[in-house]
Amino acid sequence: MIRDTIKLIKKSDLLMLVSTTWLKDNLSDQKLVILDTRPTSLFLYGHLPNSQSVTIEQIIQFDQYGSNLVGDEEKLASLFGSLGIDETKNVIVVGDSIDPSSARVAWTLIFRS
């Protein structure tokens, strides 16, 4: 289950936004996992040091009508675990400003944990 993989965070302890300065100052932090939600082609063109690509297609699942549903818990737990996310890590989700994928990935991390 995702609950076994991702630290359960009290809403009062949740930091939703960080500045670029904070991110720059913390890039070498071993407890930091950076997820880049841009399409793989853009990630390969250039990305933040130590960031990992995770696309929205890895997070959501589609039903027979094309609806975007929350992915299967076991699949998500396996994915997030393979990205090094556990209860000791702080996760930063970055993406393109015009693409809502980063918000969807962050929502999945927060509300499915």
C-alpha atoms as a PDB file:
ATOM      1  CA  MET A   1       0.000   0.000   0.000  1.00  0.00           C
ATOM      2  CA  ILE A   2       1.045   3.570  -0.561  1.00  0.00           C
ATOM      3  CA  ARG A   3       0.676   4.201   3.148  1.00  0.00           C
ATOM      4  CA  ASP A   4       3.614   1.866   3.681  1.00  0.00           C
ATOM      5  CA  THR A   5       5.734   3.779   1.169  1.00  0.00           C
ATOM      6  CA  ILE A   6       4.906   7.430   1.722  1.00  0.00           C
ATOM      7  CA  LYS A   7       5.123   9.294   4.990  1.00  0.00           C
ATOM      8  CA  LEU A   8       1.738  10.301   6.310  1.00  0.00           C
ATOM      9  CA  ILE A   9       1.944  14.061   6.741  1.00  0.00           C
ATOM     10  CA  LYS A  10      -0.329  16.129   8.931  1.00  0.00           C
ATOM     11  CA  LYS A  11      -1.868  18.904   6.865  1.00  0.00           C
ATOM     12  CA  SER A  12      -0.410  21.479   9.270  1.00  0.00           C
ATOM     13  CA  ASP A  13       3.113  20.164   8.573  1.00  0.00           C
ATOM     14  CA  LEU A  14       2.737  20.131   4.795  1.00  0.00           C
ATOM     15  CA  LEU A  15       4.859  22.638   2.900  1.00  0.00           C
ATOM     16  CA  MET A  16       3.196  23.046  -0.475  1.00  0.00           C
ATOM     17  CA  LEU A  17       5.601  25.429  -2.234  1.00  0.00           C
ATOM     18  CA  VAL A  18       9.316  26.028  -2.091  1.00  0.00           C
ATOM     19  CA  SER A  19      11.300  28.799  -3.722  1.00  0.00           C
ATOM     20  CA  THR A  20      13.887  28.281  -6.427  1.00  0.00           C
ATOM     21  CA  THR A  21      16.467  29.548  -3.933  1.00  0.00           C
ATOM     22  CA  TRP A  22      15.446  26.888  -1.401  1.00  0.00           C
ATOM     23  CA  LEU A  23      15.609  24.216  -4.084  1.00  0.00           C
ATOM     24  CA  LYS A  24      19.046  25.370  -5.247  1.00  0.00           C
ATOM     25  CA  ASP A  25      20.318  25.353  -1.664  1.00  0.00           C
ATOM     26  CA  ASN A  26      18.964  21.834  -1.043  1.00  0.00           C
ATOM     27  CA  LEU A  27      19.753  20.015  -4.309  1.00  0.00           C
ATOM     28  CA  SER A  28      22.426  17.897  -2.641  1.00  0.00           C
ATOM     29  CA  ASP A  29      20.207  16.857   0.287  1.00  0.00           C
ATOM     30  CA  GLN A  30      20.113  13.038   0.345  1.00  0.00           C
ATOM     31  CA  LYS A  31      16.594  13.150   1.811  1.00  0.00           C
ATOM     32  CA  LEU A  32      15.263  15.062  -1.202  1.00  0.00           C
ATOM     33  CA  VAL A  33      13.538  13.323  -4.115  1.00  0.00           C
ATOM     34  CA  ILE A  34      12.781  15.541  -7.110  1.00  0.00           C
ATOM     35  CA  LEU A  35      10.113  14.338  -9.528  1.00  0.00           C
ATOM     36  CA  ASP A  36      10.004  16.014 -12.955  1.00  0.00           C
ATOM     37  CA  THR A  37       6.543  15.590 -14.493  1.00  0.00           C
ATOM     38  CA  ARG A  38       7.296  16.999 -17.931  1.00  0.00           C
ATOM     39  CA  PRO A  39       7.125  14.693 -20.956  1.00  0.00           C
ATOM     40  CA  THR A  40      10.121  12.365 -21.177  1.00  0.00           C
ATOM     41  CA  SER A  41      11.472  14.125 -24.284  1.00  0.00           C
ATOM     42  CA  LEU A  42      11.707  17.435 -22.392  1.00  0.00           C
ATOM     43  CA  PHE A  43      13.257  15.718 -19.373  1.00  0.00           C
ATOM     44  CA  LEU A  44      15.923  14.171 -21.604  1.00  0.00           C
ATOM     45  CA  TYR A  45      16.633  17.564 -23.163  1.00  0.00           C
ATOM     46  CA  GLY A  46      17.445  19.012 -19.736  1.00  0.00           C
ATOM     47  CA  HIS A  47      16.462  18.658 -16.091  1.00  0.00           C
ATOM     48  CA  LEU A  48      17.440  19.567 -12.541  1.00  0.00           C
ATOM     49  CA  PRO A  49      20.380  17.637 -11.077  1.00  0.00           C
ATOM     50  CA  ASN A  50      19.260  14.433  -9.335  1.00  0.00           C
ATOM     51  CA  SER A  51      15.678  14.761 -10.592  1.00  0.00           C
ATOM     52  CA  GLN A  52      13.782  11.755 -11.903  1.00  0.00           C
ATOM     53  CA  SER A  53      11.225  11.625 -14.660  1.00  0.00           C
ATOM     54  CA  VAL A  54       7.700  10.542 -13.781  1.00  0.00           C
ATOM     55  CA  THR A  55       4.945  11.126 -16.309  1.00  0.00           C
ATOM     56  CA  ILE A  56       1.261  11.541 -15.663  1.00  0.00           C
ATOM     57  CA  GLU A  57       0.650   8.338 -17.624  1.00  0.00           C
ATOM     58  CA  GLN A  58       2.511   6.446 -14.896  1.00  0.00           C
ATOM     59  CA  ILE A  59       0.230   7.909 -12.217  1.00  0.00           C
ATOM     60  CA  ILE A  60      -3.277   7.748 -13.642  1.00  0.00           C
ATOM     61  CA  GLN A  61      -5.301   4.979 -15.172  1.00  0.00           C
ATOM     62  CA  PHE A  62      -8.055   5.296 -17.737  1.00  0.00           C
ATOM     63  CA  ASP A  63     -11.438   3.627 -17.590  1.00  0.00           C
ATOM     64  CA  GLN A  64     -13.347   2.432 -20.650  1.00  0.00           C
ATOM     65  CA  TYR A  65     -14.783   5.941 -21.103  1.00  0.00           C
ATOM     66  CA  GLY A  66     -11.411   7.710 -21.010  1.00  0.00           C
ATOM     67  CA  SER A  67     -11.794   9.117 -17.513  1.00  0.00           C
ATOM     68  CA  ASN A  68      -8.570   9.829 -15.623  1.00  0.00           C
ATOM     69  CA  LEU A  69      -8.693   7.816 -12.424  1.00  0.00           C
ATOM     70  CA  VAL A  70      -6.285   7.458  -9.544  1.00  0.00           C
ATOM     71  CA  GLY A  71      -3.868   4.648 -10.303  1.00  0.00           C
ATOM     72  CA  ASP A  72      -3.896   1.280  -8.601  1.00  0.00           C
ATOM     73  CA  GLU A  73      -2.445   1.518  -5.066  1.00  0.00           C
ATOM     74  CA  GLU A  74      -0.012  -1.360  -5.521  1.00  0.00           C
ATOM     75  CA  LYS A  75       1.220   0.041  -8.832  1.00  0.00           C
ATOM     76  CA  LEU A  76       1.689   3.494  -7.301  1.00  0.00           C
ATOM     77  CA  ALA A  77       3.457   2.109  -4.229  1.00  0.00           C
ATOM     78  CA  SER A  78       5.824   0.180  -6.482  1.00  0.00           C
ATOM     79  CA  LEU A  79       6.457   3.227  -8.684  1.00  0.00           C
ATOM     80  CA  PHE A  80       7.066   5.605  -5.795  1.00  0.00           C
ATOM     81  CA  GLY A  81       9.240   3.046  -4.020  1.00  0.00           C
ATOM     82  CA  SER A  82      11.341   2.580  -7.167  1.00  0.00           C
ATOM     83  CA  LEU A  83      11.871   6.350  -7.235  1.00  0.00           C
ATOM     84  CA  GLY A  84      13.332   6.216  -3.733  1.00  0.00           C
ATOM     85  CA  ILE A  85      10.323   7.677  -1.954  1.00  0.00           C
ATOM     86  CA  ASP A  86       9.873   6.442   1.594  1.00  0.00           C
ATOM     87  CA  GLU A  87       8.995   7.882   4.988  1.00  0.00           C
ATOM     88  CA  THR A  88      12.443   9.491   5.329  1.00  0.00           C
ATOM     89  CA  LYS A  89      12.259  11.520   2.102  1.00  0.00           C
ATOM     90  CA  ASN A  90      10.990  14.952   1.189  1.00  0.00           C
ATOM     91  CA  VAL A  91       9.476  15.042  -2.288  1.00  0.00           C
ATOM     92  CA  ILE A  92       9.553  18.015  -4.652  1.00  0.00           C
ATOM     93  CA  VAL A  93       7.380  17.856  -7.767  1.00  0.00           C
ATOM     94  CA  VAL A  94       8.397  20.108 -10.656  1.00  0.00           C
ATOM     95  CA  GLY A  95       6.865  20.538 -14.071  1.00  0.00           C
ATOM     96  CA  ASP A  96       5.893  22.883 -16.847  1.00  0.00           C
ATOM     97  CA  SER A  97       3.913  25.937 -15.748  1.00  0.00           C
ATOM     98  CA  ILE A  98       1.214  25.361 -18.380  1.00  0.00           C
ATOM     99  CA  ASP A  99       0.835  21.642 -17.715  1.00  0.00           C
ATOM    100  CA  PRO A 100      -1.283  20.465 -14.752  1.00  0.00           C
ATOM    101  CA  SER A 101       0.606  17.147 -14.486  1.00  0.00           C
ATOM    102  CA  SER A 102       2.742  18.288 -11.562  1.00  0.00           C
ATOM    103  CA  ALA A 103      -0.380  19.178  -9.577  1.00  0.00           C
ATOM    104  CA  ARG A 104      -1.905  15.768 -10.321  1.00  0.00           C
ATOM    105  CA  VAL A 105       1.262  13.947  -9.240  1.00  0.00           C
ATOM    106  CA  ALA A 106       1.476  16.031  -6.054  1.00  0.00           C
ATOM    107  CA  TRP A 107      -2.219  15.389  -5.328  1.00  0.00           C
ATOM    108  CA  THR A 108      -1.663  11.643  -5.747  1.00  0.00           C
ATOM    109  CA  LEU A 109       1.294  11.717  -3.359  1.00  0.00           C
ATOM    110  CA  ILE A 110      -0.617  13.681  -0.725  1.00  0.00           C
ATOM    111  CA  PHE A 111      -4.101  12.250  -0.865  1.00  0.00           C
ATOM    112  CA  ARG A 112      -3.356   8.618  -1.655  1.00  0.00           C
ATOM    113  CA  SER A 113      -0.891   8.262   1.208  1.00  0.00           C
END
